PDB file of N, CA and C in Angstrom:
ATOM      1  N   MET A   1       0.906  -1.629   0.385  1.00  0.00           N
ATOM      2  CA  MET A   1      -0.632   0.167   0.326  1.00  0.00           C
ATOM      3  C   MET A   1       0.794   1.582  -0.024  1.00  0.00           C
ATOM      4  N   SER A   2       0.829   1.947  -0.879  1.00  0.00           N
ATOM      5  CA  SER A   2       1.017   3.379  -1.034  1.00  0.00           C
ATOM      6  C   SER A   2       0.968   4.593   0.506  1.00  0.00           C
ATOM      7  N   THR A   3       1.361   5.780   0.040  1.00  0.00           N
ATOM      8  CA  THR A   3       1.187   6.627   1.191  1.00  0.00           C
ATOM      9  C   THR A   3      -0.151   7.346   0.907  1.00  0.00           C
ATOM     10  N   ASN A   4       0.201   7.304  -0.248  1.00  0.00           N
ATOM     11  CA  ASN A   4      -1.944   7.962  -0.496  1.00  0.00           C
ATOM     12  C   ASN A   4      -2.574   7.585  -0.515  1.00  0.00           C
ATOM     13  N   GLU A   5      -2.045   6.029  -0.747  1.00  0.00           N
ATOM     14  CA  GLU A   5      -3.824   4.879  -0.143  1.00  0.00           C
ATOM     15  C   GLU A   5      -3.602   4.425   1.052  1.00  0.00           C
ATOM     16  N   THR A   6      -2.969   4.718   2.112  1.00  0.00           N
ATOM     17  CA  THR A   6      -2.850   4.546   3.781  1.00  0.00           C
ATOM     18  C   THR A   6      -3.553   6.123   4.512  1.00  0.00           C
ATOM     19  N   ASN A   7      -3.786   7.070   3.686  1.00  0.00           N
ATOM     20  CA  ASN A   7      -4.214   8.234   3.676  1.00  0.00           C
ATOM     21  C   ASN A   7      -5.185   8.020   3.742  1.00  0.00           C
ATOM     22  N   ALA A   8      -5.596   6.993   1.924  1.00  0.00           N
ATOM     23  CA  ALA A   8      -7.529   8.059   2.454  1.00  0.00           C
ATOM     24  C   ALA A   8      -8.788   6.883   3.061  1.00  0.00           C
ATOM     25  N   VAL A   9      -7.812   5.658   3.247  1.00  0.00           N
ATOM     26  CA  VAL A   9      -8.251   4.443   4.159  1.00  0.00           C
ATOM     27  C   VAL A   9      -8.704   5.110   4.934  1.00  0.00           C
ATOM     28  N   THR A  10     -10.343   5.448   5.564  1.00  0.00           N
ATOM     29  CA  THR A  10     -11.343   5.206   7.293  1.00  0.00           C
ATOM     30  C   THR A  10     -10.385   4.195   8.045  1.00  0.00           C
ATOM     31  N   SER A  11     -11.261   5.020   8.864  1.00  0.00           N
ATOM     32  CA  SER A  11     -11.342   3.326  10.649  1.00  0.00           C
ATOM     33  C   SER A  11     -12.191   2.647  10.083  1.00  0.00           C
ATOM     34  N   GLY A  12     -13.052   3.072   8.588  1.00  0.00           N
ATOM     35  CA  GLY A  12     -14.207   1.852   8.771  1.00  0.00           C
ATOM     36  C   GLY A  12     -13.645   0.895   7.906  1.00  0.00           C
ATOM     37  N   GLY A  13     -12.677   1.306   7.150  1.00  0.00           N
ATOM     38  CA  GLY A  13     -11.821   0.266   5.784  1.00  0.00           C
ATOM     39  C   GLY A  13     -12.163   0.825   4.532  1.00  0.00           C
ATOM     40  N   ARG A  14     -13.243   2.056   4.650  1.00  0.00           N
ATOM     41  CA  ARG A  14     -13.631   1.635   3.049  1.00  0.00           C
ATOM     42  C   ARG A  14     -12.588   3.071   3.204  1.00  0.00           C
ATOM     43  N   ALA A  15     -12.449   3.004   1.595  1.00  0.00           N
ATOM     44  CA  ALA A  15     -11.530   4.181   0.539  1.00  0.00           C
ATOM     45  C   ALA A  15     -12.167   5.267   0.701  1.00  0.00           C
ATOM     46  N   THR A  16     -11.861   6.202   1.430  1.00  0.00           N
ATOM     47  CA  THR A  16     -12.367   8.086   0.638  1.00  0.00           C
ATOM     48  C   THR A  16     -11.155   8.418   0.364  1.00  0.00           C
ATOM     49  N   ALA A  17     -11.348   9.887  -0.683  1.00  0.00           N
ATOM     50  CA  ALA A  17     -10.673  11.064  -0.833  1.00  0.00           C
ATOM     51  C   ALA A  17     -10.300  11.627   0.489  1.00  0.00           C
ATOM     52  N   PRO A  18      -8.429  11.864   0.851  1.00  0.00           N
ATOM     53  CA  PRO A  18      -8.231  12.237   1.916  1.00  0.00           C
ATOM     54  C   PRO A  18      -8.549  14.316   2.123  1.00  0.00           C
ATOM     55  N   GLY A  19      -9.588  14.609   3.007  1.00  0.00           N
ATOM     56  CA  GLY A  19     -10.108  15.545   2.967  1.00  0.00           C
ATOM     57  C   GLY A  19     -11.254  15.734   3.103  1.00  0.00           C
ATOM     58  N   TYR A  20     -11.560  14.899   2.553  1.00  0.00           N
ATOM     59  CA  TYR A  20     -13.404  14.368   2.649  1.00  0.00           C
ATOM     60  C   TYR A  20     -13.665  14.507   4.636  1.00  0.00           C
ATOM     61  N   ILE A  21     -14.868  14.749   4.631  1.00  0.00           N
ATOM     62  CA  ILE A  21     -15.731  14.022   5.721  1.00  0.00           C
ATOM     63  C   ILE A  21     -17.379  13.366   4.780  1.00  0.00           C
ATOM     64  N   ASN A  22     -17.103  12.058   5.291  1.00  0.00           N
ATOM     65  CA  ASN A  22     -18.203  11.149   5.187  1.00  0.00           C
ATOM     66  C   ASN A  22     -19.682  10.910   5.305  1.00  0.00           C
ATOM     67  N   SER A  23     -19.827  11.583   6.874  1.00  0.00           N
ATOM     68  CA  SER A  23     -20.183  11.204   7.529  1.00  0.00           C
ATOM     69  C   SER A  23     -20.888  12.686   8.114  1.00  0.00           C
ATOM     70  N   SER A  24     -22.508  11.973   8.760  1.00  0.00           N
ATOM     71  CA  SER A  24     -23.233  13.357   9.238  1.00  0.00           C
ATOM     72  C   SER A  24     -23.581  13.490  10.090  1.00  0.00           C
ATOM     73  N   LYS A  25     -22.940  13.798  11.459  1.00  0.00           N
ATOM     74  CA  LYS A  25     -24.391  13.601  12.774  1.00  0.00           C
ATOM     75  C   LYS A  25     -25.083  14.959  13.176  1.00  0.00           C
ATOM     76  N   TYR A  26     -26.512  14.856  13.845  1.00  0.00           N
ATOM     77  CA  TYR A  26     -27.026  15.919  14.104  1.00  0.00           C
ATOM     78  C   TYR A  26     -28.385  15.040  15.193  1.00  0.00           C
ATOM     79  N   ARG A  27     -28.432  15.728  15.575  1.00  0.00           N
ATOM     80  CA  ARG A  27     -29.027  15.692  16.888  1.00  0.00           C
ATOM     81  C   ARG A  27     -30.695  16.469  16.868  1.00  0.00           C
ATOM     82  N   LEU A  28     -31.135  15.339  17.336  1.00  0.00           N
ATOM     83  CA  LEU A  28     -32.756  15.228  17.118  1.00  0.00           C
ATOM     84  C   LEU A  28     -34.036  14.915  18.137  1.00  0.00           C
ATOM     85  N   ARG A  29     -35.171  15.994  18.173  1.00  0.00           N
ATOM     86  CA  ARG A  29     -35.566  16.026  19.432  1.00  0.00           C
ATOM     87  C   ARG A  29     -36.379  15.353  19.031  1.00  0.00           C
ATOM     88  N   LEU A  30     -37.418  14.787  19.959  1.00  0.00           N
ATOM     89  CA  LEU A  30     -38.883  14.818  19.940  1.00  0.00           C
ATOM     90  C   LEU A  30     -39.155  14.904  21.195  1.00  0.00           C
ATOM     91  N   VAL A  31     -40.305  15.677  20.873  1.00  0.00           N
ATOM     92  CA  VAL A  31     -40.937  16.570  21.546  1.00  0.00           C
ATOM     93  C   VAL A  31     -42.824  16.351  21.880  1.00  0.00           C
ATOM     94  N   GLY A  32     -43.250  15.528  22.535  1.00  0.00           N
ATOM     95  CA  GLY A  32     -44.042  14.653  22.808  1.00  0.00           C
ATOM     96  C   GLY A  32     -44.459  13.400  21.876  1.00  0.00           C
ATOM     97  N   TYR A  33     -43.817  13.065  21.531  1.00  0.00           N
ATOM     98  CA  TYR A  33     -43.862  11.615  21.059  1.00  0.00           C
ATOM     99  C   TYR A  33     -44.404  10.663  22.020  1.00  0.00           C
ATOM    100  N   PRO A  34     -45.290   9.591  22.062  1.00  0.00           N
ATOM    101  CA  PRO A  34     -45.374   8.715  22.895  1.00  0.00           C
ATOM    102  C   PRO A  34     -44.365   7.611  22.988  1.00  0.00           C
ATOM    103  N   GLU A  35     -43.388   7.300  21.768  1.00  0.00           N
ATOM    104  CA  GLU A  35     -42.952   6.400  22.932  1.00  0.00           C
ATOM    105  C   GLU A  35     -40.832   6.401  22.469  1.00  0.00           C
ATOM    106  N   VAL A  36     -40.102   5.826  22.799  1.00  0.00           N
ATOM    107  CA  VAL A  36     -38.926   6.450  22.806  1.00  0.00           C
ATOM    108  C   VAL A  36     -38.284   5.407  21.496  1.00  0.00           C
ATOM    109  N   LEU A  37     -37.486   5.606  21.295  1.00  0.00           N
ATOM    110  CA  LEU A  37     -37.673   4.981  19.994  1.00  0.00           C
ATOM    111  C   LEU A  37     -35.976   3.336  20.663  1.00  0.00           C
ATOM    112  N   GLY A  38     -35.804   2.899  19.695  1.00  0.00           N
ATOM    113  CA  GLY A  38     -35.214   2.499  19.738  1.00  0.00           C
ATOM    114  C   GLY A  38     -33.796   1.787  19.162  1.00  0.00           C
ATOM    115  N   ALA A  39     -33.558   0.723  19.637  1.00  0.00           N
ATOM    116  CA  ALA A  39     -31.391   0.845  18.870  1.00  0.00           C
ATOM    117  C   ALA A  39     -31.545   0.695  18.068  1.00  0.00           C
ATOM    118  N   GLN A  40     -32.181  -0.511  17.312  1.00  0.00           N
ATOM    119  CA  GLN A  40     -32.361  -0.825  15.879  1.00  0.00           C
ATOM    120  C   GLN A  40     -32.882   0.317  14.924  1.00  0.00           C
ATOM    121  N   SER A  41     -33.395   1.556  15.519  1.00  0.00           N
ATOM    122  CA  SER A  41     -34.656   2.552  14.563  1.00  0.00           C
ATOM    123  C   SER A  41     -33.549   2.945  13.758  1.00  0.00           C
ATOM    124  N   ALA A  42     -33.924   3.197  12.651  1.00  0.00           N
ATOM    125  CA  ALA A  42     -33.895   3.799  11.934  1.00  0.00           C
ATOM    126  C   ALA A  42     -34.761   5.529  11.602  1.00  0.00           C
ATOM    127  N   VAL A  43     -34.315   6.869  11.126  1.00  0.00           N
ATOM    128  CA  VAL A  43     -34.785   7.153  10.840  1.00  0.00           C
ATOM    129  C   VAL A  43     -34.609   8.749   9.311  1.00  0.00           C
ATOM    130  N   GLU A  44     -35.971   9.107   7.750  1.00  0.00           N
ATOM    131  CA  GLU A  44     -35.566   8.922   7.411  1.00  0.00           C
ATOM    132  C   GLU A  44     -35.637  10.153   7.637  1.00  0.00           C
ATOM    133  N   TRP A  45     -34.995  11.418   6.610  1.00  0.00           N
ATOM    134  CA  TRP A  45     -35.571  12.547   6.940  1.00  0.00           C
ATOM    135  C   TRP A  45     -34.879  12.862   5.387  1.00  0.00           C
ATOM    136  N   ARG A  46     -35.620  14.324   5.014  1.00  0.00           N
ATOM    137  CA  ARG A  46     -35.169  14.755   3.807  1.00  0.00           C
ATOM    138  C   ARG A  46     -34.611  13.479   2.549  1.00  0.00           C
ATOM    139  N   GLY A  47     -35.435  12.541   3.154  1.00  0.00           N
ATOM    140  CA  GLY A  47     -34.990  11.728   1.448  1.00  0.00           C
ATOM    141  C   GLY A  47     -33.721  10.484   1.979  1.00  0.00           C
ATOM    142  N   LYS A  48     -32.916  10.450   2.603  1.00  0.00           N
ATOM    143  CA  LYS A  48     -31.651  10.258   3.581  1.00  0.00           C
ATOM    144  C   LYS A  48     -31.730   9.658   4.943  1.00  0.00           C
ATOM    145  N   ARG A  49     -31.376   8.086   4.920  1.00  0.00           N
ATOM    146  CA  ARG A  49     -31.790   7.829   6.383  1.00  0.00           C
ATOM    147  C   ARG A  49     -30.418   7.807   7.608  1.00  0.00           C
ATOM    148  N   PHE A  50     -31.247   7.947   8.276  1.00  0.00           N
ATOM    149  CA  PHE A  50     -29.576   7.766  10.116  1.00  0.00           C
ATOM    150  C   PHE A  50     -30.053   6.815  10.252  1.00  0.00           C
ATOM    151  N   THR A  51     -29.703   6.199  11.436  1.00  0.00           N
ATOM    152  CA  THR A  51     -29.330   5.151  12.570  1.00  0.00           C
ATOM    153  C   THR A  51     -28.939   6.691  13.710  1.00  0.00           C
ATOM    154  N   LEU A  52     -30.370   5.421  14.982  1.00  0.00           N
ATOM    155  CA  LEU A  52     -29.773   6.891  16.154  1.00  0.00           C
ATOM    156  C   LEU A  52     -28.222   5.851  16.812  1.00  0.00           C
ATOM    157  N   ASP A  53     -27.536   7.391  17.340  1.00  0.00           N
ATOM    158  CA  ASP A  53     -26.570   6.899  17.664  1.00  0.00           C
ATOM    159  C   ASP A  53     -25.928   6.914  19.436  1.00  0.00           C
ATOM    160  N   GLY A  54     -26.026   5.875  19.735  1.00  0.00           N
ATOM    161  CA  GLY A  54     -26.172   5.648  21.068  1.00  0.00           C
ATOM    162  C   GLY A  54     -27.382   5.837  21.863  1.00  0.00           C
ATOM    163  N   ASP A  55     -27.158   6.218  22.848  1.00  0.00           N
ATOM    164  CA  ASP A  55     -29.007   6.043  24.127  1.00  0.00           C
ATOM    165  C   ASP A  55     -29.549   7.312  24.292  1.00  0.00           C
ATOM    166  N   PRO A  56     -30.740   7.485  23.878  1.00  0.00           N
ATOM    167  CA  PRO A  56     -31.496   8.376  24.069  1.00  0.00           C
ATOM    168  C   PRO A  56     -31.751   9.270  25.222  1.00  0.00           C
ATOM    169  N   LEU A  57     -31.397  10.625  25.221  1.00  0.00           N
ATOM    170  CA  LEU A  57     -31.216  11.556  26.979  1.00  0.00           C
ATOM    171  C   LEU A  57     -32.695  11.993  26.967  1.00  0.00           C
ATOM    172  N   ILE A  58     -32.964  11.599  27.745  1.00  0.00           N
ATOM    173  CA  ILE A  58     -34.407  12.085  27.907  1.00  0.00           C
ATOM    174  C   ILE A  58     -34.486  12.357  29.042  1.00  0.00           C
ATOM    175  N   TYR A  59     -35.522  13.336  28.648  1.00  0.00           N
ATOM    176  CA  TYR A  59     -35.473  14.608  29.782  1.00  0.00           C
ATOM    177  C   TYR A  59     -36.891  14.807  30.584  1.00  0.00           C
ATOM    178  N   THR A  60     -37.058  14.496  31.994  1.00  0.00           N
ATOM    179  CA  THR A  60     -38.480  14.192  32.588  1.00  0.00           C
ATOM    180  C   THR A  60     -38.810  15.326  33.272  1.00  0.00           C
ATOM    181  N   GLY A  61     -38.527  17.027  32.737  1.00  0.00           N
ATOM    182  CA  GLY A  61     -38.965  17.987  33.479  1.00  0.00           C
ATOM    183  C   GLY A  61     -40.932  18.134  33.691  1.00  0.00           C
ATOM    184  N   SER A  62     -41.243  19.195  33.378  1.00  0.00           N
ATOM    185  CA  SER A  62     -42.714  19.703  32.906  1.00  0.00           C
ATOM    186  C   SER A  62     -43.408  19.224  32.489  1.00  0.00           C
ATOM    187  N   THR A  63     -44.205  18.894  31.865  1.00  0.00           N
ATOM    188  CA  THR A  63     -45.574  18.555  30.958  1.00  0.00           C
ATOM    189  C   THR A  63     -44.912  19.619  29.034  1.00  0.00           C
ATOM    190  N   ARG A  64     -44.557  20.869  29.582  1.00  0.00           N
ATOM    191  CA  ARG A  64     -43.765  21.252  28.931  1.00  0.00           C
ATOM    192  C   ARG A  64     -42.420  22.360  28.217  1.00  0.00           C
ATOM    193  N   THR A  65     -41.670  20.964  29.495  1.00  0.00           N
ATOM    194  CA  THR A  65     -40.368  21.169  28.827  1.00  0.00           C
ATOM    195  C   THR A  65     -39.749  19.384  28.846  1.00  0.00           C
ATOM    196  N   ALA A  66     -40.838  18.582  29.235  1.00  0.00           N
ATOM    197  CA  ALA A  66     -40.055  17.106  28.848  1.00  0.00           C
ATOM    198  C   ALA A  66     -39.807  17.041  26.908  1.00  0.00           C
ATOM    199  N   HIS A  67     -38.995  16.443  27.147  1.00  0.00           N
ATOM    200  CA  HIS A  67     -38.381  16.410  25.282  1.00  0.00           C
ATOM    201  C   HIS A  67     -37.622  14.998  25.382  1.00  0.00           C
ATOM    202  N   VAL A  68     -37.078  14.105  24.047  1.00  0.00           N
ATOM    203  CA  VAL A  68     -36.167  12.867  23.937  1.00  0.00           C
ATOM    204  C   VAL A  68     -35.387  13.289  23.352  1.00  0.00           C
ATOM    205  N   ASP A  69     -33.608  13.682  23.820  1.00  0.00           N
ATOM    206  CA  ASP A  69     -32.879  14.623  22.076  1.00  0.00           C
ATOM    207  C   ASP A  69     -32.314  13.184  22.157  1.00  0.00           C
ATOM    208  N   TYR A  70     -31.671  12.762  20.625  1.00  0.00           N
ATOM    209  CA  TYR A  70     -31.654  11.482  20.037  1.00  0.00           C
ATOM    210  C   TYR A  70     -29.898  12.548  19.464  1.00  0.00           C
ATOM    211  N   ARG A  71     -28.862  11.310  19.404  1.00  0.00           N
ATOM    212  CA  ARG A  71     -27.786  12.117  18.335  1.00  0.00           C
ATOM    213  C   ARG A  71     -28.273  10.710  17.013  1.00  0.00           C
ATOM    214  N   ILE A  72     -28.386  11.281  15.911  1.00  0.00           N
ATOM    215  CA  ILE A  72     -28.183  10.456  15.090  1.00  0.00           C
ATOM    216  C   ILE A  72     -27.736  10.823  13.363  1.00  0.00           C
ATOM    217  N   SER A  73     -26.841  10.121  13.424  1.00  0.00           N
ATOM    218  CA  SER A  73     -25.466  10.032  12.053  1.00  0.00           C
ATOM    219  C   SER A  73     -25.718   9.559  10.447  1.00  0.00           C
ATOM    220  N   ARG A  74     -25.654   9.967   9.524  1.00  0.00           N
ATOM    221  CA  ARG A  74     -25.537   9.286   7.947  1.00  0.00           C
ATOM    222  C   ARG A  74     -24.847   7.605   8.480  1.00  0.00           C
ATOM    223  N   THR A  75     -26.392   7.052   7.379  1.00  0.00           N
ATOM    224  CA  THR A  75     -25.420   5.234   7.261  1.00  0.00           C
ATOM    225  C   THR A  75     -25.826   5.698   6.186  1.00  0.00           C
TER     226      THR A  75
END
């Protein structure tokens, strides 16, 4: 493997061009949603699929401030 090929391989084993980011991460906040999403759930947003990244953060304040935060990443 040459030096350029070594630099182009990401930790996931997929080859990408050096200097380019190949993943997107966002925060998803659900207010008033009746259930907590499971670990294997997928979210479709703007025509793209995202998976949950880690455990949800559950905020159980008053009924006005209660919500669940998720970290989602592009698959």
